[in-house]
N, C-alpha and C. Protein backbone atom coordinates (compact mmCIF):
# COMPACT_ATOMS: atom_id res chain seq x y z
N MET A 1 -6.84 -2.02 10.02
CA MET A 1 -5.54 -2.30 9.40
C MET A 1 -4.68 -1.05 9.34
N ARG A 2 -5.31 0.10 9.39
CA ARG A 2 -4.55 1.35 9.32
C ARG A 2 -3.56 1.47 10.47
N VAL A 3 -3.93 0.91 11.63
CA VAL A 3 -3.03 0.98 12.79
C VAL A 3 -1.74 0.25 12.48
N LEU A 4 -1.85 -0.91 11.84
CA LEU A 4 -0.67 -1.70 11.49
C LEU A 4 0.19 -0.94 10.49
N VAL A 5 -0.44 -0.34 9.50
CA VAL A 5 0.29 0.42 8.48
C VAL A 5 0.99 1.61 9.12
N THR A 6 0.29 2.29 10.04
CA THR A 6 0.86 3.46 10.71
C THR A 6 2.07 3.05 11.53
N GLY A 7 2.04 1.85 12.07
CA GLY A 7 3.15 1.36 12.88
C GLY A 7 4.38 1.08 12.03
N CYS A 8 4.18 0.85 10.75
CA CYS A 8 5.31 0.59 9.85
C CYS A 8 5.90 1.92 9.38
N ALA A 9 7.09 1.85 8.81
CA ALA A 9 7.73 3.09 8.36
C ALA A 9 8.57 2.86 7.12
N GLY A 10 8.76 3.92 6.33
CA GLY A 10 9.64 3.85 5.16
C GLY A 10 9.13 2.92 4.08
N PHE A 11 10.05 2.26 3.38
CA PHE A 11 9.71 1.40 2.25
C PHE A 11 8.79 0.26 2.66
N ILE A 12 9.05 -0.32 3.83
CA ILE A 12 8.24 -1.45 4.30
C ILE A 12 6.79 -1.02 4.45
N GLY A 13 6.57 0.13 5.08
CA GLY A 13 5.21 0.64 5.28
C GLY A 13 4.51 0.85 3.95
N SER A 14 5.21 1.48 3.01
CA SER A 14 4.63 1.76 1.70
C SER A 14 4.28 0.46 0.99
N HIS A 15 5.17 -0.51 1.08
CA HIS A 15 4.95 -1.79 0.41
C HIS A 15 3.75 -2.52 1.01
N VAL A 16 3.63 -2.45 2.34
CA VAL A 16 2.51 -3.10 3.02
C VAL A 16 1.20 -2.46 2.58
N VAL A 17 1.20 -1.14 2.46
CA VAL A 17 -0.01 -0.43 2.03
C VAL A 17 -0.45 -0.92 0.65
N VAL A 18 0.50 -1.05 -0.25
CA VAL A 18 0.19 -1.52 -1.60
C VAL A 18 -0.41 -2.92 -1.57
N LEU A 19 0.18 -3.79 -0.78
CA LEU A 19 -0.32 -5.17 -0.69
C LEU A 19 -1.74 -5.19 -0.13
N LEU A 20 -2.00 -4.41 0.92
CA LEU A 20 -3.32 -4.39 1.54
C LEU A 20 -4.35 -3.86 0.56
N VAL A 21 -4.01 -2.82 -0.17
CA VAL A 21 -4.94 -2.24 -1.14
C VAL A 21 -5.28 -3.26 -2.22
N GLN A 22 -4.28 -4.00 -2.66
CA GLN A 22 -4.50 -5.01 -3.69
C GLN A 22 -5.40 -6.12 -3.17
N GLN A 23 -5.34 -6.37 -1.87
CA GLN A 23 -6.14 -7.44 -1.29
C GLN A 23 -7.55 -6.96 -0.96
N GLY A 24 -7.80 -5.66 -1.09
CA GLY A 24 -9.14 -5.14 -0.87
C GLY A 24 -9.30 -4.38 0.44
N HIS A 25 -8.22 -4.20 1.19
CA HIS A 25 -8.31 -3.44 2.43
C HIS A 25 -8.26 -1.96 2.13
N GLU A 26 -8.81 -1.16 3.04
CA GLU A 26 -8.81 0.29 2.83
C GLU A 26 -7.48 0.88 3.23
C-alpha cells in the first residue's frame, strides 16, 4: 500500500495515509 500512498501528494496523500492507518494498514 505504500506505493499507492507514495503516488499521492499533498493533502490527499496525507488523508489517504490516515485512512489506511485507521483501517490497519502499515
